[in-house]
Amino acid sequence: MTVPRFARMLVTPCAVVALLLAFRAVAPAQVRTGGGLITAVDLATNTLTLETRAGSQQVRVAPTATILDDRGDTVSVRDLMPGDAVYYETASDSAMTLRVARQFWVIPREW
């Protein structure tokens, strides 16, 4: 028995939508954002200590993180210094995206 062409055309999009919904429901990524002023950089553990409105906080930076400075240039954790302001997004327990403003002496409200 052969399946009519219009039936195959209907089933394929439905299957794709069902897969997308299933994967989205199974493992949504917890994305958290934050920002603060860098007070210390620990290169051994890829960890930044930030002064935030809520107090001191440590943020682990993923080895594959994208770090952009205020000019849009890519930098590394080694380039970050106390006094830099940072805005970050984490996935899981590590920062994956960081935006850095060099020697920023107040914490910016938004970017």
PDB file of N, CA and C in Angstrom:
ATOM      1  N   MET A   1       0.836  -1.176   0.000  1.00  0.00           N
ATOM      2  CA  MET A   1       0.000   0.000   0.000  1.00  0.00           C
ATOM      3  C   MET A   1       0.885   1.245   0.000  1.00  0.00           C
ATOM      4  N   THR A   2       0.607   2.178  -0.858  1.00  0.00           N
ATOM      5  CA  THR A   2       1.376   3.413  -0.936  1.00  0.00           C
ATOM      6  C   THR A   2       0.626   4.539  -0.246  1.00  0.00           C
ATOM      7  N   VAL A   3       1.395   5.425   0.356  1.00  0.00           N
ATOM      8  CA  VAL A   3       0.827   6.586   1.043  1.00  0.00           C
ATOM      9  C   VAL A   3       0.685   7.709   0.028  1.00  0.00           C
ATOM     10  N   PRO A   4      -0.497   8.295  -0.069  1.00  0.00           N
ATOM     11  CA  PRO A   4      -0.674   9.398  -1.019  1.00  0.00           C
ATOM     12  C   PRO A   4       0.291  10.547  -0.725  1.00  0.00           C
ATOM     13  N   ARG A   5       0.661  11.257  -1.778  1.00  0.00           N
ATOM     14  CA  ARG A   5       1.640  12.330  -1.667  1.00  0.00           C
ATOM     15  C   ARG A   5       1.165  13.418  -0.701  1.00  0.00           C
ATOM     16  N   PHE A   6      -0.092  13.804  -0.740  1.00  0.00           N
ATOM     17  CA  PHE A   6      -0.588  14.867   0.145  1.00  0.00           C
ATOM     18  C   PHE A   6      -0.508  14.444   1.612  1.00  0.00           C
ATOM     19  N   ALA A   7      -0.637  13.157   1.898  1.00  0.00           N
ATOM     20  CA  ALA A   7      -0.524  12.667   3.274  1.00  0.00           C
ATOM     21  C   ALA A   7       0.915  12.800   3.761  1.00  0.00           C
ATOM     22  N   ARG A   8       1.876  12.481   2.901  1.00  0.00           N
ATOM     23  CA  ARG A   8       3.290  12.635   3.272  1.00  0.00           C
ATOM     24  C   ARG A   8       3.623  14.103   3.495  1.00  0.00           C
ATOM     25  N   MET A   9       3.044  14.980   2.662  1.00  0.00           N
ATOM     26  CA  MET A   9       3.295  16.414   2.798  1.00  0.00           C
ATOM     27  C   MET A   9       2.727  16.954   4.101  1.00  0.00           C
ATOM     28  N   LEU A  10       1.673  16.363   4.603  1.00  0.00           N
ATOM     29  CA  LEU A  10       1.069  16.791   5.853  1.00  0.00           C
ATOM     30  C   LEU A  10       1.797  16.219   7.064  1.00  0.00           C
ATOM     31  N   VAL A  11       2.232  14.981   6.978  1.00  0.00           N
ATOM     32  CA  VAL A  11       2.868  14.303   8.108  1.00  0.00           C
ATOM     33  C   VAL A  11       4.255  14.875   8.391  1.00  0.00           C
ATOM     34  N   THR A  12       5.023  15.203   7.376  1.00  0.00           N
ATOM     35  CA  THR A  12       6.397  15.680   7.573  1.00  0.00           C
ATOM     36  C   THR A  12       6.448  16.962   8.409  1.00  0.00           C
ATOM     37  N   PRO A  13       5.694  18.013   8.082  1.00  0.00           N
ATOM     38  CA  PRO A  13       5.751  19.215   8.937  1.00  0.00           C
ATOM     39  C   PRO A  13       5.264  18.942  10.356  1.00  0.00           C
ATOM     40  N   CYS A  14       4.263  18.098  10.487  1.00  0.00           N
ATOM     41  CA  CYS A  14       3.765  17.780  11.823  1.00  0.00           C
ATOM     42  C   CYS A  14       4.838  17.084  12.650  1.00  0.00           C
ATOM     43  N   ALA A  15       5.594  16.193  12.024  1.00  0.00           N
ATOM     44  CA  ALA A  15       6.657  15.487  12.724  1.00  0.00           C
ATOM     45  C   ALA A  15       7.758  16.454  13.160  1.00  0.00           C
ATOM     46  N   VAL A  16       8.101  17.399  12.302  1.00  0.00           N
ATOM     47  CA  VAL A  16       9.139  18.385  12.632  1.00  0.00           C
ATOM     48  C   VAL A  16       8.690  19.246  13.810  1.00  0.00           C
ATOM     49  N   VAL A  17       7.460  19.715  13.780  1.00  0.00           N
ATOM     50  CA  VAL A  17       6.933  20.528  14.878  1.00  0.00           C
ATOM     51  C   VAL A  17       6.920  19.729  16.178  1.00  0.00           C
ATOM     52  N   ALA A  18       6.519  18.475  16.117  1.00  0.00           N
ATOM     53  CA  ALA A  18       6.493  17.631  17.315  1.00  0.00           C
ATOM     54  C   ALA A  18       7.888  17.447  17.893  1.00  0.00           C
ATOM     55  N   LEU A  19       8.891  17.245  17.041  1.00  0.00           N
ATOM     56  CA  LEU A  19      10.266  17.099  17.528  1.00  0.00           C
ATOM     57  C   LEU A  19      10.765  18.378  18.180  1.00  0.00           C
ATOM     58  N   LEU A  20      10.490  19.514  17.543  1.00  0.00           N
ATOM     59  CA  LEU A  20      10.926  20.788  18.121  1.00  0.00           C
ATOM     60  C   LEU A  20      10.293  21.019  19.489  1.00  0.00           C
ATOM     61  N   LEU A  21       9.020  20.749  19.598  1.00  0.00           N
ATOM     62  CA  LEU A  21       8.346  20.924  20.885  1.00  0.00           C
ATOM     63  C   LEU A  21       8.875  19.956  21.932  1.00  0.00           C
ATOM     64  N   ALA A  22       9.159  18.732  21.525  1.00  0.00           N
ATOM     65  CA  ALA A  22       9.666  17.737  22.468  1.00  0.00           C
ATOM     66  C   ALA A  22      11.037  18.134  23.002  1.00  0.00           C
ATOM     67  N   PHE A  23      11.943  18.555  22.122  1.00  0.00           N
ATOM     68  CA  PHE A  23      13.279  18.928  22.585  1.00  0.00           C
ATOM     69  C   PHE A  23      13.247  20.195  23.416  1.00  0.00           C
ATOM     70  N   ARG A  24      12.388  21.118  23.065  1.00  0.00           N
ATOM     71  CA  ARG A  24      12.274  22.356  23.839  1.00  0.00           C
ATOM     72  C   ARG A  24      11.765  22.067  25.243  1.00  0.00           C
ATOM     73  N   ALA A  25      10.836  21.127  25.362  1.00  0.00           N
ATOM     74  CA  ALA A  25      10.261  20.816  26.664  1.00  0.00           C
ATOM     75  C   ALA A  25      11.208  19.993  27.527  1.00  0.00           C
ATOM     76  N   VAL A  26      12.091  19.232  26.904  1.00  0.00           N
ATOM     77  CA  VAL A  26      12.961  18.342  27.664  1.00  0.00           C
ATOM     78  C   VAL A  26      14.061  19.091  28.395  1.00  0.00           C
ATOM     79  N   ALA A  27      14.753  19.973  27.709  1.00  0.00           N
ATOM     80  CA  ALA A  27      15.921  20.589  28.327  1.00  0.00           C
ATOM     81  C   ALA A  27      16.034  22.072  28.002  1.00  0.00           C
ATOM     82  N   PRO A  28      15.189  22.897  28.578  1.00  0.00           N
ATOM     83  CA  PRO A  28      15.364  24.325  28.342  1.00  0.00           C
ATOM     84  C   PRO A  28      16.589  24.820  29.107  1.00  0.00           C
ATOM     85  N   ALA A  29      17.399  25.622  28.465  1.00  0.00           N
ATOM     86  CA  ALA A  29      18.604  26.142  29.111  1.00  0.00           C
ATOM     87  C   ALA A  29      18.212  27.257  30.082  1.00  0.00           C
ATOM     88  N   GLN A  30      18.771  27.205  31.283  1.00  0.00           N
ATOM     89  CA  GLN A  30      18.572  28.271  32.256  1.00  0.00           C
ATOM     90  C   GLN A  30      19.588  29.355  31.951  1.00  0.00           C
ATOM     91  N   VAL A  31      19.135  30.443  31.412  1.00  0.00           N
ATOM     92  CA  VAL A  31      20.024  31.562  31.114  1.00  0.00           C
ATOM     93  C   VAL A  31      19.850  32.601  32.207  1.00  0.00           C
ATOM     94  N   ARG A  32      20.967  32.998  32.799  1.00  0.00           N
ATOM     95  CA  ARG A  32      20.959  33.998  33.852  1.00  0.00           C
ATOM     96  C   ARG A  32      21.875  35.136  33.416  1.00  0.00           C
ATOM     97  N   THR A  33      21.490  36.341  33.742  1.00  0.00           N
ATOM     98  CA  THR A  33      22.305  37.496  33.380  1.00  0.00           C
ATOM     99  C   THR A  33      22.671  38.273  34.633  1.00  0.00           C
ATOM    100  N   GLY A  34      23.703  39.061  34.518  1.00  0.00           N
ATOM    101  CA  GLY A  34      24.118  39.889  35.641  1.00  0.00           C
ATOM    102  C   GLY A  34      25.221  40.827  35.209  1.00  0.00           C
ATOM    103  N   GLY A  35      25.648  41.625  36.127  1.00  0.00           N
ATOM    104  CA  GLY A  35      26.709  42.556  35.817  1.00  0.00           C
ATOM    105  C   GLY A  35      27.316  43.128  37.073  1.00  0.00           C
ATOM    106  N   GLY A  36      28.483  43.701  36.929  1.00  0.00           N
ATOM    107  CA  GLY A  36      29.152  44.308  38.062  1.00  0.00           C
ATOM    108  C   GLY A  36      30.516  44.826  37.687  1.00  0.00           C
ATOM    109  N   LEU A  37      31.227  45.264  38.687  1.00  0.00           N
ATOM    110  CA  LEU A  37      32.566  45.807  38.530  1.00  0.00           C
ATOM    111  C   LEU A  37      33.564  44.745  38.970  1.00  0.00           C
ATOM    112  N   ILE A  38      34.524  44.432  38.114  1.00  0.00           N
ATOM    113  CA  ILE A  38      35.519  43.406  38.441  1.00  0.00           C
ATOM    114  C   ILE A  38      36.425  43.917  39.549  1.00  0.00           C
ATOM    115  N   THR A  39      36.558  43.113  40.618  1.00  0.00           N
ATOM    116  CA  THR A  39      37.479  43.446  41.700  1.00  0.00           C
ATOM    117  C   THR A  39      38.679  42.505  41.719  1.00  0.00           C
ATOM    118  N   ALA A  40      38.540  41.308  41.105  1.00  0.00           N
ATOM    119  CA  ALA A  40      39.654  40.354  41.048  1.00  0.00           C
ATOM    120  C   ALA A  40      39.434  39.384  39.897  1.00  0.00           C
ATOM    121  N   VAL A  41      40.555  38.913  39.323  1.00  0.00           N
ATOM    122  CA  VAL A  41      40.524  37.922  38.252  1.00  0.00           C
ATOM    123  C   VAL A  41      41.417  36.770  38.676  1.00  0.00           C
ATOM    124  N   ASP A  42      40.854  35.556  38.755  1.00  0.00           N
ATOM    125  CA  ASP A  42      41.617  34.355  39.106  1.00  0.00           C
ATOM    126  C   ASP A  42      41.820  33.541  37.838  1.00  0.00           C
ATOM    127  N   LEU A  43      43.011  33.635  37.236  1.00  0.00           N
ATOM    128  CA  LEU A  43      43.288  32.953  35.979  1.00  0.00           C
ATOM    129  C   LEU A  43      43.392  31.445  36.151  1.00  0.00           C
ATOM    130  N   ALA A  44      43.741  30.979  37.322  1.00  0.00           N
ATOM    131  CA  ALA A  44      43.865  29.535  37.559  1.00  0.00           C
ATOM    132  C   ALA A  44      42.511  28.838  37.456  1.00  0.00           C
ATOM    133  N   THR A  45      41.462  29.515  37.872  1.00  0.00           N
ATOM    134  CA  THR A  45      40.127  28.905  37.849  1.00  0.00           C
ATOM    135  C   THR A  45      39.172  29.581  36.871  1.00  0.00           C
ATOM    136  N   ASN A  46      39.671  30.566  36.102  1.00  0.00           N
ATOM    137  CA  ASN A  46      38.819  31.329  35.174  1.00  0.00           C
ATOM    138  C   ASN A  46      37.620  31.935  35.894  1.00  0.00           C
ATOM    139  N   THR A  47      37.865  32.537  37.046  1.00  0.00           N
ATOM    140  CA  THR A  47      36.790  33.091  37.856  1.00  0.00           C
ATOM    141  C   THR A  47      36.994  34.590  38.048  1.00  0.00           C
ATOM    142  N   LEU A  48      35.896  35.332  37.902  1.00  0.00           N
ATOM    143  CA  LEU A  48      35.907  36.764  38.161  1.00  0.00           C
ATOM    144  C   LEU A  48      35.205  37.026  39.484  1.00  0.00           C
ATOM    145  N   THR A  49      35.744  37.935  40.278  1.00  0.00           N
ATOM    146  CA  THR A  49      35.046  38.418  41.463  1.00  0.00           C
ATOM    147  C   THR A  49      34.498  39.782  41.096  1.00  0.00           C
ATOM    148  N   LEU A  50      33.173  39.920  41.255  1.00  0.00           N
ATOM    149  CA  LEU A  50      32.499  41.155  40.874  1.00  0.00           C
ATOM    150  C   LEU A  50      31.891  41.825  42.087  1.00  0.00           C
ATOM    151  N   GLU A  51      31.891  43.138  42.079  1.00  0.00           N
ATOM    152  CA  GLU A  51      31.133  43.917  43.056  1.00  0.00           C
ATOM    153  C   GLU A  51      29.834  44.284  42.359  1.00  0.00           C
ATOM    154  N   THR A  52      28.721  43.808  42.898  1.00  0.00           N
ATOM    155  CA  THR A  52      27.412  44.058  42.304  1.00  0.00           C
ATOM    156  C   THR A  52      26.566  44.848  43.287  1.00  0.00           C
ATOM    157  N   ARG A  53      25.386  45.220  42.859  1.00  0.00           N
ATOM    158  CA  ARG A  53      24.466  45.919  43.761  1.00  0.00           C
ATOM    159  C   ARG A  53      24.094  45.054  44.953  1.00  0.00           C
ATOM    160  N   ALA A  54      24.108  43.731  44.765  1.00  0.00           N
ATOM    161  CA  ALA A  54      23.749  42.805  45.839  1.00  0.00           C
ATOM    162  C   ALA A  54      24.954  42.398  46.687  1.00  0.00           C
ATOM    163  N   GLY A  55      26.142  42.881  46.354  1.00  0.00           N
ATOM    164  CA  GLY A  55      27.349  42.521  47.093  1.00  0.00           C
ATOM    165  C   GLY A  55      28.351  41.794  46.203  1.00  0.00           C
ATOM    166  N   SER A  56      29.357  41.209  46.822  1.00  0.00           N
ATOM    167  CA  SER A  56      30.405  40.512  46.089  1.00  0.00           C
ATOM    168  C   SER A  56      29.877  39.192  45.524  1.00  0.00           C
ATOM    169  N   GLN A  57      30.315  38.867  44.308  1.00  0.00           N
ATOM    170  CA  GLN A  57      29.848  37.660  43.635  1.00  0.00           C
ATOM    171  C   GLN A  57      30.973  37.094  42.789  1.00  0.00           C
ATOM    172  N   GLN A  58      31.072  35.763  42.728  1.00  0.00           N
ATOM    173  CA  GLN A  58      32.056  35.121  41.863  1.00  0.00           C
ATOM    174  C   GLN A  58      31.346  34.523  40.657  1.00  0.00           C
ATOM    175  N   VAL A  59      31.949  34.736  39.481  1.00  0.00           N
ATOM    176  CA  VAL A  59      31.394  34.226  38.233  1.00  0.00           C
ATOM    177  C   VAL A  59      32.473  33.438  37.513  1.00  0.00           C
ATOM    178  N   ARG A  60      32.196  32.159  37.267  1.00  0.00           N
ATOM    179  CA  ARG A  60      33.125  31.319  36.515  1.00  0.00           C
ATOM    180  C   ARG A  60      32.911  31.575  35.034  1.00  0.00           C
ATOM    181  N   VAL A  61      33.995  31.752  34.282  1.00  0.00           N
ATOM    182  CA  VAL A  61      33.942  32.020  32.852  1.00  0.00           C
ATOM    183  C   VAL A  61      34.292  30.731  32.114  1.00  0.00           C
ATOM    184  N   ALA A  62      33.422  30.303  31.219  1.00  0.00           N
ATOM    185  CA  ALA A  62      33.665  29.088  30.438  1.00  0.00           C
ATOM    186  C   ALA A  62      34.877  29.285  29.531  1.00  0.00           C
ATOM    187  N   PRO A  63      35.663  28.228  29.311  1.00  0.00           N
ATOM    188  CA  PRO A  63      36.834  28.345  28.427  1.00  0.00           C
ATOM    189  C   PRO A  63      36.464  28.774  27.007  1.00  0.00           C
ATOM    190  N   THR A  64      35.240  28.477  26.582  1.00  0.00           N
ATOM    191  CA  THR A  64      34.805  28.819  25.229  1.00  0.00           C
ATOM    192  C   THR A  64      33.960  30.085  25.193  1.00  0.00           C
ATOM    193  N   ALA A  65      33.981  30.861  26.265  1.00  0.00           N
ATOM    194  CA  ALA A  65      33.145  32.065  26.353  1.00  0.00           C
ATOM    195  C   ALA A  65      33.548  33.099  25.311  1.00  0.00           C
ATOM    196  N   THR A  66      32.551  33.842  24.841  1.00  0.00           N
ATOM    197  CA  THR A  66      32.779  34.972  23.959  1.00  0.00           C
ATOM    198  C   THR A  66      32.849  36.220  24.821  1.00  0.00           C
ATOM    199  N   ILE A  67      33.998  36.907  24.772  1.00  0.00           N
ATOM    200  CA  ILE A  67      34.199  38.112  25.571  1.00  0.00           C
ATOM    201  C   ILE A  67      34.482  39.265  24.614  1.00  0.00           C
ATOM    202  N   LEU A  68      33.610  40.275  24.644  1.00  0.00           N
ATOM    203  CA  LEU A  68      33.767  41.438  23.772  1.00  0.00           C
ATOM    204  C   LEU A  68      33.990  42.684  24.611  1.00  0.00           C
ATOM    205  N   ASP A  69      34.948  43.527  24.182  1.00  0.00           N
ATOM    206  CA  ASP A  69      35.176  44.777  24.902  1.00  0.00           C
ATOM    207  C   ASP A  69      34.244  45.855  24.375  1.00  0.00           C
ATOM    208  N   ASP A  70      34.389  47.069  24.886  1.00  0.00           N
ATOM    209  CA  ASP A  70      33.471  48.149  24.528  1.00  0.00           C
ATOM    210  C   ASP A  70      33.615  48.613  23.077  1.00  0.00           C
ATOM    211  N   ARG A  71      34.650  48.171  22.384  1.00  0.00           N
ATOM    212  CA  ARG A  71      34.799  48.474  20.957  1.00  0.00           C
ATOM    213  C   ARG A  71      34.329  47.324  20.069  1.00  0.00           C
ATOM    214  N   GLY A  72      33.889  46.225  20.702  1.00  0.00           N
ATOM    215  CA  GLY A  72      33.434  45.065  19.939  1.00  0.00           C
ATOM    216  C   GLY A  72      34.539  44.091  19.593  1.00  0.00           C
ATOM    217  N   ASP A  73      35.758  44.343  20.107  1.00  0.00           N
ATOM    218  CA  ASP A  73      36.876  43.442  19.858  1.00  0.00           C
ATOM    219  C   ASP A  73      36.807  42.251  20.802  1.00  0.00           C
ATOM    220  N   THR A  74      37.220  41.085  20.313  1.00  0.00           N
ATOM    221  CA  THR A  74      37.253  39.886  21.140  1.00  0.00           C
ATOM    222  C   THR A  74      38.486  39.939  22.037  1.00  0.00           C
ATOM    223  N   VAL A  75      38.284  39.666  23.324  1.00  0.00           N
ATOM    224  CA  VAL A  75      39.379  39.632  24.295  1.00  0.00           C
ATOM    225  C   VAL A  75      39.292  38.323  25.068  1.00  0.00           C
ATOM    226  N   SER A  76      40.304  38.058  25.890  1.00  0.00           N
ATOM    227  CA  SER A  76      40.312  36.840  26.709  1.00  0.00           C
ATOM    228  C   SER A  76      40.216  37.220  28.182  1.00  0.00           C
ATOM    229  N   VAL A  77      40.059  36.215  29.010  1.00  0.00           N
ATOM    230  CA  VAL A  77      40.002  36.447  30.459  1.00  0.00           C
ATOM    231  C   VAL A  77      41.285  37.119  30.931  1.00  0.00           C
ATOM    232  N   ARG A  78      42.404  36.795  30.313  1.00  0.00           N
ATOM    233  CA  ARG A  78      43.696  37.386  30.691  1.00  0.00           C
ATOM    234  C   ARG A  78      43.722  38.901  30.483  1.00  0.00           C
ATOM    235  N   ASP A  79      42.861  39.400  29.602  1.00  0.00           N
ATOM    236  CA  ASP A  79      42.822  40.840  29.324  1.00  0.00           C
ATOM    237  C   ASP A  79      41.960  41.618  30.318  1.00  0.00           C
ATOM    238  N   LEU A  80      41.168  40.923  31.126  1.00  0.00           N
ATOM    239  CA  LEU A  80      40.269  41.591  32.069  1.00  0.00           C
ATOM    240  C   LEU A  80      41.040  42.045  33.298  1.00  0.00           C
ATOM    241  N   MET A  81      40.650  43.206  33.842  1.00  0.00           N
ATOM    242  CA  MET A  81      41.366  43.778  34.981  1.00  0.00           C
ATOM    243  C   MET A  81      40.375  44.341  35.989  1.00  0.00           C
ATOM    244  N   PRO A  82      40.810  44.448  37.255  1.00  0.00           N
ATOM    245  CA  PRO A  82      39.971  45.141  38.228  1.00  0.00           C
ATOM    246  C   PRO A  82      39.671  46.552  37.745  1.00  0.00           C
ATOM    247  N   GLY A  83      38.421  46.968  37.917  1.00  0.00           N
ATOM    248  CA  GLY A  83      37.992  48.274  37.443  1.00  0.00           C
ATOM    249  C   GLY A  83      37.179  48.184  36.165  1.00  0.00           C
ATOM    250  N   ASP A  84      37.260  47.039  35.461  1.00  0.00           N
ATOM    251  CA  ASP A  84      36.441  46.848  34.269  1.00  0.00           C
ATOM    252  C   ASP A  84      35.018  46.489  34.697  1.00  0.00           C
ATOM    253  N   ALA A  85      34.044  47.034  33.983  1.00  0.00           N
ATOM    254  CA  ALA A  85      32.645  46.663  34.215  1.00  0.00           C
ATOM    255  C   ALA A  85      32.317  45.518  33.276  1.00  0.00           C
ATOM    256  N   VAL A  86      31.514  44.573  33.738  1.00  0.00           N
ATOM    257  CA  VAL A  86      31.181  43.418  32.919  1.00  0.00           C
ATOM    258  C   VAL A  86      29.695  43.108  33.035  1.00  0.00           C
ATOM    259  N   TYR A  87      29.115  42.737  31.910  1.00  0.00           N
ATOM    260  CA  TYR A  87      27.745  42.236  31.845  1.00  0.00           C
ATOM    261  C   TYR A  87      27.867  40.829  31.284  1.00  0.00           C
ATOM    262  N   TYR A  88      27.232  39.837  31.910  1.00  0.00           N
ATOM    263  CA  TYR A  88      27.426  38.456  31.478  1.00  0.00           C
ATOM    264  C   TYR A  88      26.108  37.707  31.360  1.00  0.00           C
ATOM    265  N   GLU A  89      26.154  36.640  30.573  1.00  0.00           N
ATOM    266  CA  GLU A  89      25.052  35.689  30.452  1.00  0.00           C
ATOM    267  C   GLU A  89      25.627  34.314  30.730  1.00  0.00           C
ATOM    268  N   THR A  90      24.953  33.565  31.600  1.00  0.00           N
ATOM    269  CA  THR A  90      25.414  32.218  31.919  1.00  0.00           C
ATOM    270  C   THR A  90      24.449  31.191  31.365  1.00  0.00           C
ATOM    271  N   ALA A  91      24.988  30.062  31.024  1.00  0.00           N
ATOM    272  CA  ALA A  91      24.206  28.882  30.687  1.00  0.00           C
ATOM    273  C   ALA A  91      24.770  27.808  31.601  1.00  0.00           C
ATOM    274  N   SER A  92      23.933  27.246  32.426  1.00  0.00           N
ATOM    275  CA  SER A  92      24.388  26.266  33.395  1.00  0.00           C
ATOM    276  C   SER A  92      25.129  27.017  34.496  1.00  0.00           C
ATOM    277  N   ASP A  93      26.391  26.712  34.736  1.00  0.00           N
ATOM    278  CA  ASP A  93      27.111  27.336  35.851  1.00  0.00           C
ATOM    279  C   ASP A  93      28.250  28.249  35.419  1.00  0.00           C
ATOM    280  N   SER A  94      28.415  28.476  34.106  1.00  0.00           N
ATOM    281  CA  SER A  94      29.525  29.290  33.615  1.00  0.00           C
ATOM    282  C   SER A  94      29.037  30.388  32.690  1.00  0.00           C
ATOM    283  N   ALA A  95      29.736  31.505  32.729  1.00  0.00           N
ATOM    284  CA  ALA A  95      29.416  32.615  31.832  1.00  0.00           C
ATOM    285  C   ALA A  95      29.852  32.242  30.419  1.00  0.00           C
ATOM    286  N   MET A  96      28.939  32.378  29.474  1.00  0.00           N
ATOM    287  CA  MET A  96      29.217  32.038  28.082  1.00  0.00           C
ATOM    288  C   MET A  96      29.422  33.286  27.221  1.00  0.00           C
ATOM    289  N   THR A  97      28.819  34.397  27.621  1.00  0.00           N
ATOM    290  CA  THR A  97      28.934  35.650  26.883  1.00  0.00           C
ATOM    291  C   THR A  97      29.207  36.771  27.872  1.00  0.00           C
ATOM    292  N   LEU A  98      30.223  37.580  27.595  1.00  0.00           N
ATOM    293  CA  LEU A  98      30.550  38.718  28.447  1.00  0.00           C
ATOM    294  C   LEU A  98      30.766  39.947  27.590  1.00  0.00           C
ATOM    295  N   ARG A  99      30.288  41.095  28.079  1.00  0.00           N
ATOM    296  CA  ARG A  99      30.553  42.398  27.485  1.00  0.00           C
ATOM    297  C   ARG A  99      31.322  43.190  28.530  1.00  0.00           C
ATOM    298  N   VAL A 100      32.423  43.801  28.120  1.00  0.00           N
ATOM    299  CA  VAL A 100      33.317  44.472  29.065  1.00  0.00           C
ATOM    300  C   VAL A 100      33.510  45.929  28.673  1.00  0.00           C
ATOM    301  N   ALA A 101      33.397  46.818  29.659  1.00  0.00           N
ATOM    302  CA  ALA A 101      33.722  48.233  29.473  1.00  0.00           C
ATOM    303  C   ALA A 101      34.987  48.490  30.279  1.00  0.00           C
ATOM    304  N   ARG A 102      36.018  48.949  29.622  1.00  0.00           N
ATOM    305  CA  ARG A 102      37.323  49.141  30.260  1.00  0.00           C
ATOM    306  C   ARG A 102      37.321  50.264  31.279  1.00  0.00           C
ATOM    307  N   GLN A 103      37.877  49.953  32.453  1.00  0.00           N
ATOM    308  CA  GLN A 103      38.080  50.924  33.530  1.00  0.00           C
ATOM    309  C   GLN A 103      36.845  51.788  33.755  1.00  0.00           C
ATOM    310  N   PHE A 104      35.725  51.129  33.932  1.00  0.00           N
ATOM    311  CA  PHE A 104      34.438  51.776  34.163  1.00  0.00           C
ATOM    312  C   PHE A 104      34.267  51.908  35.660  1.00  0.00           C
ATOM    313  N   TRP A 105      34.059  53.077  36.168  1.00  0.00           N
ATOM    314  CA  TRP A 105      34.089  53.268  37.621  1.00  0.00           C
ATOM    315  C   TRP A 105      32.728  53.282  38.279  1.00  0.00           C
ATOM    316  N   VAL A 106      31.658  53.109  37.528  1.00  0.00           N
ATOM    317  CA  VAL A 106      30.338  52.908  38.095  1.00  0.00           C
ATOM    318  C   VAL A 106      29.682  51.758  37.353  1.00  0.00           C
ATOM    319  N   ILE A 107      28.761  51.066  38.005  1.00  0.00           N
ATOM    320  CA  ILE A 107      28.093  49.939  37.370  1.00  0.00           C
ATOM    321  C   ILE A 107      26.999  50.483  36.457  1.00  0.00           C
ATOM    322  N   PRO A 108      27.066  50.162  35.155  1.00  0.00           N
ATOM    323  CA  PRO A 108      26.039  50.669  34.236  1.00  0.00           C
ATOM    324  C   PRO A 108      24.699  50.019  34.490  1.00  0.00           C
ATOM    325  N   ARG A 109      23.603  50.765  34.284  1.00  0.00           N
ATOM    326  CA  ARG A 109      22.251  50.213  34.493  1.00  0.00           C
ATOM    327  C   ARG A 109      21.920  49.191  33.431  1.00  0.00           C
ATOM    328  N   GLU A 110      22.115  49.513  32.172  1.00  0.00           N
ATOM    329  CA  GLU A 110      21.797  48.611  31.068  1.00  0.00           C
ATOM    330  C   GLU A 110      22.786  48.833  29.942  1.00  0.00           C
ATOM    331  N   TRP A 111      22.860  47.836  29.071  1.00  0.00           N
ATOM    332  CA  TRP A 111      23.703  47.965  27.881  1.00  0.00           C
ATOM    333  C   TRP A 111      22.834  47.924  26.696  1.00  0.00           C
TER     334      TRP A 111
END
